[in-house]
Amino acid sequence: MIFYPVEFGGLRLRTYPNQPLGWIGWQGIVPAKAGEMAGRITELVTTKLLDVKEVIYIYIYTYTYLSIYLYIYLSIYLSIYLSICLSIYLSIYLSIYLSIGSDGKG
């Protein structure tokens, strides 16, 4: 009865705002008061718990830091990966070339 029914069930002869009970019918307590609770929580968070400027600063700082970190990480990773792949490719190519010989007879 706290959460269900989500919509008012019964005859809507007389209902009261933000109240789960009408003359004939019922709505869950949480769905009936959801708007009021959301408003209170939003007001509390934005006025007393968080500073909006600080949140924006942290978001921009984190985004910039992660972008630079990913750029450096990917650059290093790709350079190492490409150098390893190139060295493997060259060693295989040279071993085949040297085993065949320069005249092509093997």
N, C-alpha and C. Protein backbone atom coordinates (compact mmCIF):
# COMPACT_ATOMS: atom_id res chain seq x y z
N MET A 1 0.81 -1.19 0.00
CA MET A 1 0.00 0.00 0.00
C MET A 1 0.85 1.25 0.00
N ILE A 2 2.14 1.09 0.22
CA ILE A 2 3.01 2.26 0.20
C ILE A 2 3.31 2.67 -1.24
N PHE A 3 3.56 1.68 -2.12
CA PHE A 3 3.97 1.99 -3.49
C PHE A 3 2.87 1.77 -4.53
N TYR A 4 1.90 0.93 -4.23
CA TYR A 4 0.87 0.60 -5.22
C TYR A 4 -0.50 0.95 -4.69
N PRO A 5 -1.40 1.30 -5.51
CA PRO A 5 -1.33 1.53 -6.95
C PRO A 5 -0.64 2.85 -7.28
N VAL A 6 0.02 2.86 -8.43
CA VAL A 6 0.76 4.05 -8.86
C VAL A 6 -0.22 5.17 -9.24
N GLU A 7 -1.27 4.84 -9.94
CA GLU A 7 -2.32 5.79 -10.28
C GLU A 7 -3.46 5.65 -9.28
N PHE A 8 -4.23 6.67 -9.16
CA PHE A 8 -5.36 6.65 -8.22
C PHE A 8 -6.35 5.58 -8.65
N GLY A 9 -6.71 4.71 -7.73
CA GLY A 9 -7.68 3.67 -8.02
C GLY A 9 -8.97 3.93 -7.25
N GLY A 10 -10.04 4.06 -7.95
CA GLY A 10 -11.32 4.31 -7.30
C GLY A 10 -12.08 5.39 -8.04
N LEU A 11 -13.07 5.96 -7.39
CA LEU A 11 -13.85 7.04 -7.98
C LEU A 11 -13.25 8.37 -7.56
N ARG A 12 -13.00 9.21 -8.52
CA ARG A 12 -12.40 10.51 -8.23
C ARG A 12 -13.47 11.55 -7.89
N LEU A 13 -14.25 11.25 -6.91
CA LEU A 13 -15.27 12.21 -6.48
C LEU A 13 -14.61 13.39 -5.78
N ARG A 14 -13.72 13.09 -4.87
CA ARG A 14 -13.00 14.14 -4.16
C ARG A 14 -11.62 13.60 -3.78
N THR A 15 -10.58 14.21 -4.32
CA THR A 15 -9.20 13.86 -3.95
C THR A 15 -8.50 15.11 -3.47
N TYR A 16 -7.47 14.91 -2.68
CA TYR A 16 -6.72 16.02 -2.10
C TYR A 16 -5.32 16.00 -2.69
N PRO A 17 -4.74 17.17 -3.00
CA PRO A 17 -3.40 17.20 -3.59
C PRO A 17 -2.36 16.61 -2.64
N ASN A 18 -1.47 15.81 -3.22
CA ASN A 18 -0.37 15.16 -2.50
C ASN A 18 -0.84 14.25 -1.37
N GLN A 19 -2.05 13.77 -1.43
CA GLN A 19 -2.56 12.85 -0.43
C GLN A 19 -3.00 11.57 -1.14
N PRO A 20 -2.68 10.41 -0.56
CA PRO A 20 -2.99 9.15 -1.22
C PRO A 20 -4.45 8.76 -1.15
N LEU A 21 -5.23 9.43 -0.35
CA LEU A 21 -6.57 8.95 -0.11
C LEU A 21 -7.60 9.96 -0.55
N GLY A 22 -8.62 9.46 -1.17
CA GLY A 22 -9.75 10.30 -1.57
C GLY A 22 -10.99 9.82 -0.83
N TRP A 23 -12.15 10.31 -1.23
CA TRP A 23 -13.38 9.86 -0.57
C TRP A 23 -13.61 8.38 -0.82
N ILE A 24 -13.47 7.98 -2.12
CA ILE A 24 -13.63 6.56 -2.47
C ILE A 24 -12.45 6.19 -3.37
N GLY A 25 -11.41 5.64 -2.80
CA GLY A 25 -10.26 5.22 -3.60
C GLY A 25 -8.94 5.42 -2.87
N TRP A 26 -7.88 4.99 -3.54
CA TRP A 26 -6.56 5.01 -2.91
C TRP A 26 -5.49 5.10 -3.99
N GLN A 27 -4.40 5.76 -3.63
CA GLN A 27 -3.18 5.78 -4.43
C GLN A 27 -2.04 5.52 -3.47
N GLY A 28 -0.96 4.87 -3.95
CA GLY A 28 0.18 4.61 -3.08
C GLY A 28 0.73 5.90 -2.48
N ILE A 29 1.27 5.81 -1.28
CA ILE A 29 1.77 7.00 -0.58
C ILE A 29 2.93 7.62 -1.33
N VAL A 30 3.88 6.80 -1.76
CA VAL A 30 5.06 7.33 -2.46
C VAL A 30 4.68 7.95 -3.80
N PRO A 31 3.89 7.28 -4.66
CA PRO A 31 3.50 7.93 -5.91
C PRO A 31 2.71 9.22 -5.70
N ALA A 32 1.90 9.27 -4.66
CA ALA A 32 1.10 10.47 -4.42
C ALA A 32 1.97 11.65 -4.02
N LYS A 33 3.05 11.39 -3.31
CA LYS A 33 3.90 12.46 -2.81
C LYS A 33 5.22 12.58 -3.57
N ALA A 34 5.35 11.94 -4.72
CA ALA A 34 6.61 11.92 -5.46
C ALA A 34 7.06 13.31 -5.87
N GLY A 35 6.15 14.13 -6.37
CA GLY A 35 6.52 15.48 -6.79
C GLY A 35 7.01 16.32 -5.63
N GLU A 36 6.32 16.25 -4.52
CA GLU A 36 6.70 17.02 -3.33
C GLU A 36 8.07 16.56 -2.80
N MET A 37 8.29 15.25 -2.75
CA MET A 37 9.58 14.72 -2.26
C MET A 37 10.71 15.11 -3.19
N ALA A 38 10.49 15.03 -4.50
CA ALA A 38 11.53 15.39 -5.47
C ALA A 38 11.87 16.87 -5.35
N GLY A 39 10.87 17.70 -5.16
CA GLY A 39 11.13 19.13 -4.98
C GLY A 39 11.95 19.43 -3.74
N ARG A 40 11.62 18.77 -2.65
CA ARG A 40 12.38 18.98 -1.41
C ARG A 40 13.84 18.52 -1.54
N ILE A 41 14.03 17.36 -2.14
CA ILE A 41 15.38 16.84 -2.30
C ILE A 41 16.20 17.75 -3.23
N THR A 42 15.59 18.19 -4.32
CA THR A 42 16.29 19.08 -5.26
C THR A 42 16.69 20.37 -4.57
N GLU A 43 15.79 20.95 -3.81
CA GLU A 43 16.09 22.19 -3.10
C GLU A 43 17.22 21.98 -2.08
N LEU A 44 17.16 20.89 -1.35
CA LEU A 44 18.18 20.60 -0.35
C LEU A 44 19.55 20.43 -1.00
N VAL A 45 19.61 19.66 -2.08
CA VAL A 45 20.90 19.38 -2.73
C VAL A 45 21.48 20.65 -3.35
N THR A 46 20.66 21.42 -4.04
CA THR A 46 21.19 22.59 -4.75
C THR A 46 21.49 23.77 -3.84
N THR A 47 20.83 23.87 -2.70
CA THR A 47 21.08 25.03 -1.84
C THR A 47 22.03 24.75 -0.69
N LYS A 48 22.00 23.55 -0.13
CA LYS A 48 22.78 23.30 1.08
C LYS A 48 23.95 22.34 0.89
N LEU A 49 23.85 21.41 -0.03
CA LEU A 49 24.89 20.39 -0.15
C LEU A 49 25.91 20.69 -1.24
N LEU A 50 25.47 21.30 -2.33
CA LEU A 50 26.37 21.52 -3.46
C LEU A 50 26.47 22.99 -3.81
N ASP A 51 27.64 23.34 -4.30
CA ASP A 51 27.83 24.64 -4.90
C ASP A 51 27.89 24.42 -6.41
N VAL A 52 27.00 25.04 -7.16
CA VAL A 52 26.89 24.78 -8.59
C VAL A 52 28.19 25.15 -9.31
N LYS A 53 28.82 26.23 -8.93
CA LYS A 53 30.09 26.62 -9.55
C LYS A 53 31.17 25.56 -9.32
N GLU A 54 31.19 25.02 -8.12
CA GLU A 54 32.16 23.98 -7.80
C GLU A 54 31.92 22.72 -8.63
N VAL A 55 30.67 22.35 -8.81
CA VAL A 55 30.34 21.17 -9.61
C VAL A 55 30.79 21.38 -11.05
N ILE A 56 30.53 22.56 -11.61
CA ILE A 56 30.95 22.84 -12.99
C ILE A 56 32.47 22.82 -13.09
N TYR A 57 33.15 23.41 -12.12
CA TYR A 57 34.61 23.42 -12.13
C TYR A 57 35.17 22.00 -12.07
N ILE A 58 34.62 21.17 -11.19
CA ILE A 58 35.09 19.79 -11.07
C ILE A 58 34.83 19.02 -12.35
N TYR A 59 33.67 19.22 -12.95
CA TYR A 59 33.34 18.54 -14.20
C TYR A 59 34.32 18.92 -15.31
N ILE A 60 34.57 20.22 -15.46
CA ILE A 60 35.50 20.67 -16.51
C ILE A 60 36.90 20.18 -16.23
N TYR A 61 37.35 20.26 -14.97
CA TYR A 61 38.69 19.81 -14.61
C TYR A 61 38.85 18.32 -14.87
N THR A 62 37.86 17.53 -14.46
CA THR A 62 37.92 16.08 -14.65
C THR A 62 37.92 15.73 -16.13
N TYR A 63 37.06 16.38 -16.90
CA TYR A 63 36.98 16.11 -18.32
C TYR A 63 38.30 16.44 -19.01
N THR A 64 38.88 17.60 -18.68
CA THR A 64 40.15 18.00 -19.28
C THR A 64 41.26 17.04 -18.88
N TYR A 65 41.33 16.67 -17.61
CA TYR A 65 42.35 15.76 -17.12
C TYR A 65 42.24 14.41 -17.81
N LEU A 66 41.02 13.89 -17.92
CA LEU A 66 40.84 12.59 -18.56
C LEU A 66 41.17 12.64 -20.04
N SER A 67 40.85 13.74 -20.69
CA SER A 67 41.18 13.88 -22.11
C SER A 67 42.69 13.86 -22.32
N ILE A 68 43.41 14.60 -21.52
CA ILE A 68 44.87 14.63 -21.64
C ILE A 68 45.46 13.26 -21.30
N TYR A 69 44.95 12.64 -20.23
CA TYR A 69 45.44 11.33 -19.82
C TYR A 69 45.22 10.30 -20.93
N LEU A 70 44.03 10.28 -21.52
CA LEU A 70 43.75 9.33 -22.59
C LEU A 70 44.61 9.58 -23.81
N TYR A 71 44.82 10.85 -24.14
CA TYR A 71 45.67 11.18 -25.29
C TYR A 71 47.09 10.66 -25.07
N ILE A 72 47.65 10.91 -23.89
CA ILE A 72 49.02 10.45 -23.61
C ILE A 72 49.08 8.93 -23.57
N TYR A 73 48.11 8.31 -22.90
CA TYR A 73 48.09 6.85 -22.79
C TYR A 73 47.98 6.21 -24.17
N LEU A 74 47.07 6.69 -24.99
CA LEU A 74 46.91 6.11 -26.32
C LEU A 74 48.13 6.35 -27.20
N SER A 75 48.75 7.50 -27.07
CA SER A 75 49.96 7.77 -27.86
C SER A 75 51.07 6.80 -27.49
N ILE A 76 51.30 6.61 -26.21
CA ILE A 76 52.34 5.69 -25.77
C ILE A 76 51.99 4.26 -26.17
N TYR A 77 50.75 3.86 -25.94
CA TYR A 77 50.32 2.51 -26.27
C TYR A 77 50.47 2.23 -27.76
N LEU A 78 50.02 3.15 -28.58
CA LEU A 78 50.11 2.94 -30.03
C LEU A 78 51.55 2.92 -30.51
N SER A 79 52.39 3.79 -29.96
CA SER A 79 53.78 3.79 -30.40
C SER A 79 54.47 2.47 -30.02
N ILE A 80 54.24 1.96 -28.82
CA ILE A 80 54.82 0.68 -28.41
C ILE A 80 54.26 -0.45 -29.25
N TYR A 81 52.95 -0.47 -29.44
CA TYR A 81 52.30 -1.52 -30.22
C TYR A 81 52.81 -1.52 -31.67
N LEU A 82 52.90 -0.36 -32.25
CA LEU A 82 53.38 -0.29 -33.64
C LEU A 82 54.84 -0.68 -33.77
N SER A 83 55.65 -0.29 -32.80
CA SER A 83 57.06 -0.67 -32.87
C SER A 83 57.23 -2.18 -32.71
N ILE A 84 56.45 -2.81 -31.85
CA ILE A 84 56.51 -4.27 -31.69
C ILE A 84 56.04 -4.96 -32.96
N CYS A 85 54.93 -4.50 -33.50
CA CYS A 85 54.41 -5.11 -34.74
C CYS A 85 55.41 -4.95 -35.89
N LEU A 86 56.01 -3.77 -35.99
CA LEU A 86 56.98 -3.54 -37.05
C LEU A 86 58.21 -4.42 -36.87
N SER A 87 58.69 -4.58 -35.65
CA SER A 87 59.87 -5.42 -35.43
C SER A 87 59.56 -6.89 -35.73
N ILE A 88 58.37 -7.37 -35.36
CA ILE A 88 58.00 -8.75 -35.67
C ILE A 88 57.88 -8.94 -37.17
N TYR A 89 57.24 -7.98 -37.84
CA TYR A 89 57.09 -8.06 -39.28
C TYR A 89 58.45 -8.08 -39.98
N LEU A 90 59.35 -7.20 -39.54
CA LEU A 90 60.67 -7.15 -40.16
C LEU A 90 61.48 -8.42 -39.89
N SER A 91 61.39 -8.96 -38.69
CA SER A 91 62.15 -10.18 -38.39
C SER A 91 61.62 -11.35 -39.22
N ILE A 92 60.31 -11.47 -39.38
CA ILE A 92 59.75 -12.55 -40.22
C ILE A 92 60.15 -12.33 -41.68
N TYR A 93 60.03 -11.10 -42.15
CA TYR A 93 60.37 -10.81 -43.54
C TYR A 93 61.84 -11.09 -43.82
N LEU A 94 62.72 -10.66 -42.90
CA LEU A 94 64.15 -10.87 -43.12
C LEU A 94 64.51 -12.35 -43.02
N SER A 95 63.89 -13.10 -42.12
CA SER A 95 64.20 -14.52 -42.02
C SER A 95 63.77 -15.26 -43.29
N ILE A 96 62.62 -14.89 -43.84
CA ILE A 96 62.18 -15.52 -45.09
C ILE A 96 63.10 -15.10 -46.23
N TYR A 97 63.44 -13.84 -46.29
CA TYR A 97 64.30 -13.33 -47.36
C TYR A 97 65.68 -13.97 -47.29
N LEU A 98 66.23 -14.12 -46.08
CA LEU A 98 67.57 -14.70 -45.94
C LEU A 98 67.55 -16.21 -46.18
N SER A 99 66.44 -16.88 -45.85
CA SER A 99 66.38 -18.32 -46.08
C SER A 99 66.25 -18.61 -47.57
N ILE A 100 65.56 -17.75 -48.28
CA ILE A 100 65.44 -17.94 -49.73
C ILE A 100 66.74 -17.54 -50.43
N GLY A 101 67.33 -16.50 -49.94
CA GLY A 101 68.58 -16.01 -50.55
C GLY A 101 68.27 -14.92 -51.56
N SER A 102 69.29 -14.24 -51.94
CA SER A 102 69.08 -13.14 -52.88
C SER A 102 68.87 -13.64 -54.31
N ASP A 103 69.33 -14.87 -54.63
CA ASP A 103 69.14 -15.36 -55.99
C ASP A 103 67.79 -16.03 -56.19
N GLY A 104 67.04 -16.29 -55.08
CA GLY A 104 65.71 -16.84 -55.19
C GLY A 104 65.67 -18.35 -55.26
N LYS A 105 66.81 -19.06 -55.08
CA LYS A 105 66.83 -20.52 -55.18
C LYS A 105 66.75 -21.22 -53.83
N GLY A 106 66.95 -20.53 -52.74
CA GLY A 106 66.80 -21.13 -51.43
C GLY A 106 67.98 -21.78 -50.88
